[in-house]
Amino acid sequence: MRIETLSSRQVYANSWMTVREDGIRRPDGSEGIYGVVDKPTYALVVPRDDAGALHLVEQFRYPVGERRWEFPAGTAPERADQDPAELAVRELVEETGLVAGRMELLGMLDVAPGMSSQRGHVYLATELTAGPPRREHTEQDMRAAWFSPAEFDAKIARGELTDAQTLAAYTLLRLHDAR
């Protein structure tokens, strides 16, 4: 059984997201509300070199008040719809300057399905060529670095790598490699 939407109203919007409040009816007939954050589909890229090293970016994340290491990822400007494969190519070049000779879809992620409609497509980028990053103004504090798989695992174990999408993408990568 599904939850029925009785009403919906947008309560906030900016260039990156909208927030809406939906009146709902549950399968048992009881009514309630859902607050939903709508964000566009994103692409996340796992850049891996021939030696197996992984390329991460680090930036300040205002909501948690700290810097975070993550795989390159992003959405199209102004909440636009864009093909996830094209978005992955754009985000990789924009944030790292890397150009992939090969992009392979690893899977899809739901960011926070209890409160957000956002979904992401995860790509493995290989056969990489380095170039200058083309970062947006809001990404000027971004740093980038390569990490061996052992260094990556150690960052997770020490609690230095906590981004949920990065950790989920790493799981998809490990499953891909095990096949």
N, C-alpha and C. Protein backbone atom coordinates (compact mmCIF):
# COMPACT_ATOMS: atom_id res chain seq x y z
N MET A 1 0.83 -1.18 0.00
CA MET A 1 0.00 0.00 0.00
C MET A 1 0.88 1.25 0.00
N ARG A 2 0.35 2.29 -0.51
CA ARG A 2 1.09 3.54 -0.64
C ARG A 2 0.46 4.63 0.22
N ILE A 3 1.26 5.65 0.45
CA ILE A 3 0.76 6.85 1.12
C ILE A 3 0.19 7.76 0.05
N GLU A 4 -1.01 8.30 0.31
CA GLU A 4 -1.68 9.18 -0.63
C GLU A 4 -1.36 10.64 -0.30
N THR A 5 -1.02 11.41 -1.31
CA THR A 5 -0.79 12.84 -1.13
C THR A 5 -2.12 13.56 -1.25
N LEU A 6 -2.49 14.30 -0.20
CA LEU A 6 -3.74 15.05 -0.17
C LEU A 6 -3.55 16.50 -0.62
N SER A 7 -2.38 17.07 -0.28
CA SER A 7 -2.09 18.46 -0.65
C SER A 7 -0.57 18.61 -0.69
N SER A 8 -0.14 19.67 -1.36
CA SER A 8 1.29 19.94 -1.43
C SER A 8 1.49 21.43 -1.60
N ARG A 9 2.42 22.00 -0.83
CA ARG A 9 2.72 23.42 -1.01
C ARG A 9 4.22 23.64 -0.82
N GLN A 10 4.78 24.46 -1.70
CA GLN A 10 6.18 24.81 -1.59
C GLN A 10 6.34 25.84 -0.50
N VAL A 11 7.27 25.62 0.42
CA VAL A 11 7.48 26.56 1.53
C VAL A 11 8.81 27.30 1.41
N TYR A 12 9.69 26.85 0.50
CA TYR A 12 10.98 27.51 0.34
C TYR A 12 11.59 27.07 -0.98
N ALA A 13 12.36 27.95 -1.61
CA ALA A 13 13.08 27.60 -2.83
C ALA A 13 14.31 28.47 -2.97
N ASN A 14 15.39 27.89 -3.48
CA ASN A 14 16.57 28.65 -3.90
C ASN A 14 17.14 27.96 -5.14
N SER A 15 18.33 28.33 -5.56
CA SER A 15 18.91 27.79 -6.79
C SER A 15 19.28 26.32 -6.69
N TRP A 16 19.35 25.77 -5.48
CA TRP A 16 19.83 24.40 -5.30
C TRP A 16 18.74 23.43 -4.86
N MET A 17 17.65 23.94 -4.28
CA MET A 17 16.65 23.03 -3.72
C MET A 17 15.32 23.74 -3.50
N THR A 18 14.29 22.93 -3.28
CA THR A 18 13.01 23.43 -2.81
C THR A 18 12.61 22.59 -1.61
N VAL A 19 11.78 23.17 -0.77
CA VAL A 19 11.22 22.45 0.38
C VAL A 19 9.72 22.55 0.25
N ARG A 20 9.06 21.41 0.40
CA ARG A 20 7.60 21.42 0.33
C ARG A 20 7.03 20.68 1.54
N GLU A 21 5.78 21.00 1.84
CA GLU A 21 5.07 20.31 2.91
C GLU A 21 3.85 19.64 2.27
N ASP A 22 3.78 18.34 2.42
CA ASP A 22 2.68 17.56 1.85
C ASP A 22 1.76 17.05 2.95
N GLY A 23 0.47 17.26 2.76
CA GLY A 23 -0.53 16.60 3.60
C GLY A 23 -0.72 15.20 3.05
N ILE A 24 -0.71 14.19 3.91
CA ILE A 24 -0.76 12.80 3.44
C ILE A 24 -1.82 11.98 4.19
N ARG A 25 -2.21 10.89 3.56
CA ARG A 25 -3.06 9.89 4.22
C ARG A 25 -2.32 8.56 4.15
N ARG A 26 -2.11 7.97 5.33
CA ARG A 26 -1.42 6.68 5.43
C ARG A 26 -2.39 5.55 5.07
N PRO A 27 -1.84 4.36 4.78
CA PRO A 27 -2.69 3.22 4.42
C PRO A 27 -3.77 2.89 5.46
N ASP A 28 -3.52 3.21 6.75
CA ASP A 28 -4.52 2.92 7.79
C ASP A 28 -5.60 4.00 7.88
N GLY A 29 -5.51 5.04 7.03
CA GLY A 29 -6.49 6.11 7.01
C GLY A 29 -6.11 7.33 7.83
N SER A 30 -5.09 7.22 8.67
CA SER A 30 -4.66 8.38 9.46
C SER A 30 -3.96 9.39 8.56
N GLU A 31 -4.07 10.66 8.95
CA GLU A 31 -3.48 11.72 8.15
C GLU A 31 -2.29 12.33 8.88
N GLY A 32 -1.42 12.96 8.12
CA GLY A 32 -0.23 13.59 8.68
C GLY A 32 0.41 14.51 7.66
N ILE A 33 1.64 14.91 7.93
CA ILE A 33 2.38 15.76 7.00
C ILE A 33 3.77 15.18 6.77
N TYR A 34 4.32 15.50 5.64
CA TYR A 34 5.70 15.20 5.30
C TYR A 34 6.36 16.49 4.86
N GLY A 35 7.54 16.78 5.40
CA GLY A 35 8.38 17.84 4.88
C GLY A 35 9.37 17.18 3.94
N VAL A 36 9.45 17.66 2.70
CA VAL A 36 10.29 17.03 1.68
C VAL A 36 11.25 18.05 1.09
N VAL A 37 12.52 17.70 1.05
CA VAL A 37 13.54 18.51 0.39
C VAL A 37 13.71 17.93 -1.02
N ASP A 38 13.37 18.72 -2.02
CA ASP A 38 13.55 18.30 -3.41
C ASP A 38 14.83 18.93 -3.95
N LYS A 39 15.73 18.07 -4.39
CA LYS A 39 16.97 18.51 -5.02
C LYS A 39 17.13 17.73 -6.31
N PRO A 40 17.80 18.29 -7.29
CA PRO A 40 17.95 17.58 -8.56
C PRO A 40 18.88 16.37 -8.43
N THR A 41 18.77 15.51 -9.41
CA THR A 41 19.66 14.35 -9.50
C THR A 41 21.10 14.83 -9.55
N TYR A 42 21.97 14.10 -8.87
CA TYR A 42 23.38 14.46 -8.89
C TYR A 42 24.20 13.31 -9.48
N ALA A 43 25.42 13.63 -9.85
CA ALA A 43 26.39 12.62 -10.29
C ALA A 43 27.56 12.68 -9.33
N LEU A 44 28.04 11.52 -8.95
CA LEU A 44 29.22 11.37 -8.11
C LEU A 44 30.23 10.55 -8.90
N VAL A 45 31.48 10.98 -8.88
CA VAL A 45 32.51 10.32 -9.67
C VAL A 45 33.60 9.78 -8.76
N VAL A 46 33.95 8.51 -8.97
CA VAL A 46 35.06 7.87 -8.27
C VAL A 46 36.24 7.84 -9.23
N PRO A 47 37.16 8.81 -9.13
CA PRO A 47 38.32 8.80 -10.02
C PRO A 47 39.38 7.84 -9.48
N ARG A 48 39.82 6.89 -10.33
CA ARG A 48 40.82 5.91 -9.90
C ARG A 48 41.91 5.83 -10.95
N ASP A 49 43.16 5.94 -10.51
CA ASP A 49 44.27 5.86 -11.44
C ASP A 49 44.67 4.41 -11.69
N ASP A 50 45.66 4.22 -12.55
CA ASP A 50 46.09 2.87 -12.93
C ASP A 50 46.65 2.07 -11.76
N ALA A 51 47.16 2.76 -10.73
CA ALA A 51 47.71 2.08 -9.55
C ALA A 51 46.64 1.80 -8.50
N GLY A 52 45.40 2.25 -8.75
CA GLY A 52 44.31 2.02 -7.80
C GLY A 52 44.06 3.16 -6.83
N ALA A 53 44.85 4.23 -6.92
CA ALA A 53 44.65 5.37 -6.02
C ALA A 53 43.34 6.08 -6.36
N LEU A 54 42.73 6.65 -5.33
CA LEU A 54 41.44 7.34 -5.47
C LEU A 54 41.63 8.84 -5.25
N HIS A 55 40.96 9.63 -6.05
CA HIS A 55 41.08 11.09 -6.00
C HIS A 55 39.88 11.66 -5.25
N LEU A 56 40.16 12.42 -4.20
CA LEU A 56 39.11 13.05 -3.39
C LEU A 56 39.27 14.56 -3.41
N VAL A 57 38.19 15.24 -3.13
CA VAL A 57 38.23 16.68 -2.94
C VAL A 57 37.81 16.96 -1.50
N GLU A 58 38.31 18.07 -0.96
CA GLU A 58 37.95 18.47 0.40
C GLU A 58 37.47 19.90 0.36
N GLN A 59 36.37 20.16 1.07
CA GLN A 59 35.86 21.52 1.15
C GLN A 59 35.10 21.71 2.46
N PHE A 60 34.91 22.97 2.80
CA PHE A 60 34.15 23.30 4.00
C PHE A 60 32.68 23.05 3.73
N ARG A 61 32.04 22.33 4.64
CA ARG A 61 30.60 22.04 4.54
C ARG A 61 29.89 22.79 5.65
N TYR A 62 29.24 23.87 5.26
CA TYR A 62 28.60 24.78 6.22
C TYR A 62 27.64 24.08 7.18
N PRO A 63 26.73 23.20 6.70
CA PRO A 63 25.77 22.61 7.65
C PRO A 63 26.41 21.85 8.81
N VAL A 64 27.57 21.24 8.61
CA VAL A 64 28.24 20.53 9.72
C VAL A 64 29.38 21.34 10.32
N GLY A 65 29.70 22.48 9.69
CA GLY A 65 30.70 23.39 10.23
C GLY A 65 32.13 22.87 10.17
N GLU A 66 32.42 21.96 9.26
CA GLU A 66 33.76 21.39 9.15
C GLU A 66 34.08 21.07 7.69
N ARG A 67 35.37 20.86 7.43
CA ARG A 67 35.82 20.42 6.11
C ARG A 67 35.58 18.92 5.99
N ARG A 68 35.27 18.47 4.77
CA ARG A 68 34.99 17.06 4.52
C ARG A 68 35.67 16.61 3.23
N TRP A 69 36.28 15.42 3.28
CA TRP A 69 36.80 14.75 2.09
C TRP A 69 35.66 13.99 1.44
N GLU A 70 35.58 14.11 0.11
CA GLU A 70 34.49 13.48 -0.64
C GLU A 70 34.97 13.15 -2.05
N PHE A 71 34.27 12.23 -2.69
CA PHE A 71 34.46 12.07 -4.12
C PHE A 71 33.82 13.28 -4.81
N PRO A 72 34.34 13.69 -5.97
CA PRO A 72 33.73 14.80 -6.70
C PRO A 72 32.27 14.49 -7.03
N ALA A 73 31.41 15.47 -6.85
CA ALA A 73 29.97 15.27 -7.11
C ALA A 73 29.29 16.62 -7.27
N GLY A 74 28.12 16.58 -7.89
CA GLY A 74 27.35 17.81 -7.99
C GLY A 74 26.12 17.66 -8.84
N THR A 75 25.37 18.75 -8.90
CA THR A 75 24.14 18.83 -9.67
C THR A 75 24.29 19.90 -10.74
N ALA A 76 23.35 19.94 -11.65
CA ALA A 76 23.33 20.98 -12.68
C ALA A 76 22.90 22.31 -12.05
N PRO A 77 23.37 23.42 -12.59
CA PRO A 77 22.98 24.73 -12.05
C PRO A 77 21.47 24.97 -12.13
N GLU A 78 20.97 25.75 -11.17
CA GLU A 78 19.58 26.19 -11.15
C GLU A 78 18.58 25.04 -11.16
N ARG A 79 18.92 23.94 -10.52
CA ARG A 79 18.06 22.76 -10.40
C ARG A 79 17.65 22.19 -11.76
N ALA A 80 18.46 22.40 -12.78
CA ALA A 80 18.14 21.92 -14.13
C ALA A 80 18.28 20.40 -14.20
N ASP A 81 17.52 19.81 -15.10
CA ASP A 81 17.69 18.38 -15.39
C ASP A 81 18.84 18.24 -16.37
N GLN A 82 19.75 17.33 -16.09
CA GLN A 82 20.86 17.07 -16.99
C GLN A 82 21.13 15.58 -16.97
N ASP A 83 21.49 15.03 -18.10
CA ASP A 83 21.84 13.62 -18.17
C ASP A 83 22.95 13.33 -17.15
N PRO A 84 22.76 12.35 -16.26
CA PRO A 84 23.76 12.08 -15.22
C PRO A 84 25.15 11.78 -15.76
N ALA A 85 25.25 11.10 -16.90
CA ALA A 85 26.57 10.80 -17.47
C ALA A 85 27.28 12.09 -17.90
N GLU A 86 26.55 13.01 -18.50
CA GLU A 86 27.13 14.31 -18.89
C GLU A 86 27.51 15.11 -17.65
N LEU A 87 26.66 15.05 -16.64
CA LEU A 87 26.93 15.74 -15.38
C LEU A 87 28.20 15.20 -14.73
N ALA A 88 28.39 13.90 -14.77
CA ALA A 88 29.59 13.28 -14.18
C ALA A 88 30.86 13.80 -14.86
N VAL A 89 30.85 13.89 -16.17
CA VAL A 89 32.00 14.40 -16.92
C VAL A 89 32.28 15.84 -16.50
N ARG A 90 31.24 16.64 -16.43
CA ARG A 90 31.38 18.06 -16.08
C ARG A 90 31.92 18.24 -14.66
N GLU A 91 31.35 17.49 -13.70
CA GLU A 91 31.78 17.62 -12.30
C GLU A 91 33.23 17.18 -12.11
N LEU A 92 33.64 16.13 -12.78
CA LEU A 92 35.02 15.64 -12.65
C LEU A 92 36.00 16.71 -13.11
N VAL A 93 35.76 17.29 -14.28
CA VAL A 93 36.65 18.33 -14.80
C VAL A 93 36.59 19.58 -13.92
N GLU A 94 35.37 19.96 -13.55
CA GLU A 94 35.19 21.18 -12.77
C GLU A 94 35.94 21.12 -11.45
N GLU A 95 35.77 20.04 -10.69
CA GLU A 95 36.33 19.97 -9.35
C GLU A 95 37.78 19.49 -9.29
N THR A 96 38.21 18.68 -10.27
CA THR A 96 39.56 18.09 -10.19
C THR A 96 40.46 18.44 -11.37
N GLY A 97 39.88 18.82 -12.50
CA GLY A 97 40.66 19.02 -13.70
C GLY A 97 40.93 17.72 -14.46
N LEU A 98 40.49 16.60 -13.92
CA LEU A 98 40.72 15.31 -14.56
C LEU A 98 39.71 15.07 -15.67
N VAL A 99 40.19 14.46 -16.76
CA VAL A 99 39.34 14.04 -17.86
C VAL A 99 39.46 12.53 -17.94
N ALA A 100 38.32 11.86 -17.95
CA ALA A 100 38.30 10.39 -17.97
C ALA A 100 38.23 9.87 -19.40
N GLY A 101 39.08 8.92 -19.70
CA GLY A 101 38.99 8.21 -20.97
C GLY A 101 37.87 7.19 -20.95
N ARG A 102 37.50 6.79 -19.73
CA ARG A 102 36.43 5.81 -19.56
C ARG A 102 35.61 6.15 -18.32
N MET A 103 34.27 6.14 -18.47
CA MET A 103 33.33 6.34 -17.37
C MET A 103 32.39 5.15 -17.35
N GLU A 104 32.26 4.54 -16.18
CA GLU A 104 31.40 3.36 -16.04
C GLU A 104 30.42 3.58 -14.89
N LEU A 105 29.14 3.35 -15.14
CA LEU A 105 28.12 3.49 -14.11
C LEU A 105 28.26 2.37 -13.10
N LEU A 106 28.40 2.74 -11.82
CA LEU A 106 28.50 1.75 -10.74
C LEU A 106 27.15 1.49 -10.08
N GLY A 107 26.28 2.48 -10.05
CA GLY A 107 24.99 2.30 -9.40
C GLY A 107 24.32 3.61 -9.08
N MET A 108 23.25 3.52 -8.30
CA MET A 108 22.46 4.68 -7.93
C MET A 108 22.28 4.72 -6.42
N LEU A 109 22.19 5.95 -5.88
CA LEU A 109 22.01 6.15 -4.45
C LEU A 109 20.83 7.08 -4.19
N ASP A 110 20.07 6.78 -3.14
CA ASP A 110 19.08 7.72 -2.62
C ASP A 110 19.75 8.42 -1.45
N VAL A 111 19.78 9.73 -1.46
CA VAL A 111 20.53 10.48 -0.46
C VAL A 111 19.96 10.29 0.95
N ALA A 112 18.73 10.66 1.14
CA ALA A 112 18.08 10.55 2.45
C ALA A 112 16.60 10.34 2.20
N PRO A 113 16.19 9.12 1.82
CA PRO A 113 14.82 8.91 1.34
C PRO A 113 13.72 9.17 2.36
N GLY A 114 14.07 9.36 3.60
CA GLY A 114 13.08 9.72 4.60
C GLY A 114 12.72 11.19 4.60
N MET A 115 13.54 12.01 3.89
CA MET A 115 13.27 13.45 3.88
C MET A 115 13.57 14.14 2.55
N SER A 116 14.20 13.44 1.61
CA SER A 116 14.61 14.08 0.36
C SER A 116 14.32 13.18 -0.83
N SER A 117 13.97 13.81 -1.95
CA SER A 117 13.72 13.08 -3.19
C SER A 117 15.00 12.89 -4.01
N GLN A 118 16.12 13.42 -3.56
CA GLN A 118 17.34 13.42 -4.37
C GLN A 118 17.93 12.04 -4.56
N ARG A 119 18.34 11.79 -5.80
CA ARG A 119 19.02 10.55 -6.17
C ARG A 119 20.32 10.88 -6.87
N GLY A 120 21.28 9.96 -6.73
CA GLY A 120 22.57 10.17 -7.37
C GLY A 120 22.97 8.98 -8.19
N HIS A 121 23.73 9.26 -9.23
CA HIS A 121 24.29 8.22 -10.10
C HIS A 121 25.80 8.21 -9.86
N VAL A 122 26.35 7.04 -9.60
CA VAL A 122 27.76 6.90 -9.24
C VAL A 122 28.52 6.31 -10.42
N TYR A 123 29.62 6.99 -10.79
CA TYR A 123 30.43 6.57 -11.93
C TYR A 123 31.87 6.33 -11.50
N LEU A 124 32.49 5.33 -12.12
CA LEU A 124 33.92 5.08 -11.97
C LEU A 124 34.62 5.72 -13.16
N ALA A 125 35.57 6.60 -12.87
CA ALA A 125 36.34 7.28 -13.93
C ALA A 125 37.75 6.71 -13.95
N THR A 126 38.17 6.23 -15.12
CA THR A 126 39.52 5.67 -15.28
C THR A 126 40.13 6.23 -16.56
N GLU A 127 41.38 5.82 -16.83
CA GLU A 127 42.12 6.33 -17.99
C GLU A 127 42.15 7.86 -17.92
N LEU A 128 42.64 8.36 -16.80
CA LEU A 128 42.56 9.78 -16.47
C LEU A 128 43.71 10.61 -17.04
N THR A 129 43.37 11.80 -17.47
CA THR A 129 44.34 12.79 -17.93
C THR A 129 44.16 14.03 -17.05
N ALA A 130 45.28 14.54 -16.53
CA ALA A 130 45.22 15.71 -15.63
C ALA A 130 45.16 17.01 -16.41
N GLY A 131 44.46 17.96 -15.84
CA GLY A 131 44.36 19.31 -16.38
C GLY A 131 43.98 20.24 -15.25
N PRO A 132 43.77 21.51 -15.53
CA PRO A 132 43.41 22.46 -14.47
C PRO A 132 41.93 22.32 -14.08
N PRO A 133 41.63 22.40 -12.78
CA PRO A 133 40.22 22.41 -12.37
C PRO A 133 39.53 23.68 -12.87
N ARG A 134 38.22 23.60 -13.01
CA ARG A 134 37.40 24.75 -13.44
C ARG A 134 36.32 25.00 -12.39
N ARG A 135 36.76 25.21 -11.19
CA ARG A 135 35.84 25.31 -10.05
C ARG A 135 34.96 26.55 -10.10
N GLU A 136 33.75 26.35 -9.58
CA GLU A 136 32.83 27.47 -9.42
C GLU A 136 33.35 28.37 -8.31
N HIS A 137 32.84 29.59 -8.27
CA HIS A 137 33.27 30.55 -7.25
C HIS A 137 33.10 29.98 -5.84
N THR A 138 32.01 29.27 -5.60
CA THR A 138 31.72 28.72 -4.28
C THR A 138 32.62 27.55 -3.91
N GLU A 139 33.44 27.09 -4.86
CA GLU A 139 34.34 25.94 -4.62
C GLU A 139 35.81 26.37 -4.50
N GLN A 140 36.05 27.66 -4.33
CA GLN A 140 37.42 28.16 -4.34
C GLN A 140 38.27 27.63 -3.18
N ASP A 141 37.65 27.21 -2.09
CA ASP A 141 38.41 26.68 -0.96
C ASP A 141 38.69 25.18 -1.10
N MET A 142 38.26 24.59 -2.20
CA MET A 142 38.39 23.15 -2.40
C MET A 142 39.86 22.74 -2.58
N ARG A 143 40.21 21.63 -1.97
CA ARG A 143 41.52 21.00 -2.16
C ARG A 143 41.28 19.63 -2.77
N ALA A 144 42.30 19.06 -3.39
CA ALA A 144 42.18 17.74 -3.98
C ALA A 144 43.45 16.95 -3.69
N ALA A 145 43.30 15.63 -3.55
CA ALA A 145 44.46 14.77 -3.29
C ALA A 145 44.14 13.33 -3.68
N TRP A 146 45.21 12.59 -3.94
CA TRP A 146 45.12 11.16 -4.24
C TRP A 146 45.37 10.38 -2.96
N PHE A 147 44.65 9.26 -2.80
CA PHE A 147 44.83 8.38 -1.65
C PHE A 147 44.87 6.93 -2.13
N SER A 148 45.81 6.18 -1.61
CA SER A 148 45.85 4.75 -1.92
C SER A 148 44.64 4.10 -1.25
N PRO A 149 44.26 2.90 -1.68
CA PRO A 149 43.15 2.22 -0.99
C PRO A 149 43.41 2.04 0.51
N ALA A 150 44.64 1.77 0.90
CA ALA A 150 44.96 1.62 2.33
C ALA A 150 44.79 2.95 3.06
N GLU A 151 45.22 4.05 2.45
CA GLU A 151 45.04 5.37 3.06
C GLU A 151 43.55 5.73 3.15
N PHE A 152 42.80 5.39 2.12
CA PHE A 152 41.36 5.65 2.10
C PHE A 152 40.69 4.90 3.25
N ASP A 153 40.99 3.60 3.38
CA ASP A 153 40.43 2.79 4.47
C ASP A 153 40.81 3.34 5.83
N ALA A 154 42.07 3.80 5.97
CA ALA A 154 42.52 4.35 7.25
C ALA A 154 41.76 5.63 7.59
N LYS A 155 41.48 6.47 6.59
CA LYS A 155 40.70 7.69 6.83
C LYS A 155 39.29 7.34 7.33
N ILE A 156 38.70 6.28 6.79
CA ILE A 156 37.39 5.84 7.25
C ILE A 156 37.50 5.36 8.70
N ALA A 157 38.48 4.51 8.98
CA ALA A 157 38.65 3.93 10.32
C ALA A 157 38.89 5.00 11.38
N ARG A 158 39.60 6.07 11.01
CA ARG A 158 39.88 7.15 11.96
C ARG A 158 38.74 8.17 12.06
N GLY A 159 37.69 7.99 11.29
CA GLY A 159 36.56 8.92 11.32
C GLY A 159 36.85 10.21 10.58
N GLU A 160 37.83 10.21 9.69
CA GLU A 160 38.19 11.41 8.92
C GLU A 160 37.44 11.48 7.59
N LEU A 161 36.82 10.40 7.21
CA LEU A 161 36.04 10.36 5.97
C LEU A 161 34.65 9.88 6.37
N THR A 162 33.70 10.81 6.41
CA THR A 162 32.37 10.50 6.93
C THR A 162 31.23 10.81 5.97
N ASP A 163 31.53 11.35 4.80
CA ASP A 163 30.49 11.69 3.84
C ASP A 163 29.74 10.43 3.41
N ALA A 164 28.45 10.39 3.65
CA ALA A 164 27.65 9.18 3.40
C ALA A 164 27.67 8.77 1.93
N GLN A 165 27.57 9.74 1.01
CA GLN A 165 27.56 9.39 -0.41
C GLN A 165 28.90 8.81 -0.84
N THR A 166 29.99 9.36 -0.31
CA THR A 166 31.32 8.84 -0.63
C THR A 166 31.47 7.42 -0.11
N LEU A 167 31.03 7.18 1.11
CA LEU A 167 31.13 5.84 1.69
C LEU A 167 30.27 4.84 0.92
N ALA A 168 29.07 5.25 0.53
CA ALA A 168 28.20 4.36 -0.24
C ALA A 168 28.79 4.09 -1.63
N ALA A 169 29.37 5.12 -2.26
CA ALA A 169 29.99 4.94 -3.57
C ALA A 169 31.19 4.00 -3.47
N TYR A 170 31.93 4.09 -2.38
CA TYR A 170 33.07 3.20 -2.17
C TYR A 170 32.59 1.75 -2.05
N THR A 171 31.46 1.55 -1.42
CA THR A 171 30.88 0.21 -1.34
C THR A 171 30.52 -0.29 -2.74
N LEU A 172 29.90 0.56 -3.56
CA LEU A 172 29.60 0.17 -4.94
C LEU A 172 30.87 -0.17 -5.71
N LEU A 173 31.94 0.60 -5.49
CA LEU A 173 33.22 0.33 -6.14
C LEU A 173 33.76 -1.04 -5.72
N ARG A 174 33.73 -1.32 -4.44
CA ARG A 174 34.25 -2.61 -3.94
C ARG A 174 33.43 -3.78 -4.46
N LEU A 175 32.12 -3.62 -4.56
CA LEU A 175 31.28 -4.68 -5.15
C LEU A 175 31.61 -4.86 -6.63
N HIS A 176 31.83 -3.75 -7.33
CA HIS A 176 32.22 -3.79 -8.75
C HIS A 176 33.53 -4.55 -8.90
N ASP A 177 34.50 -4.27 -8.05
CA ASP A 177 35.80 -4.91 -8.15
C ASP A 177 35.75 -6.40 -7.80
N ALA A 178 34.80 -6.77 -6.94
CA ALA A 178 34.68 -8.18 -6.52
C ALA A 178 34.05 -9.05 -7.62
N ARG A 179 33.37 -8.40 -8.57
CA ARG A 179 32.74 -9.19 -9.66
C ARG A 179 33.76 -9.71 -10.62
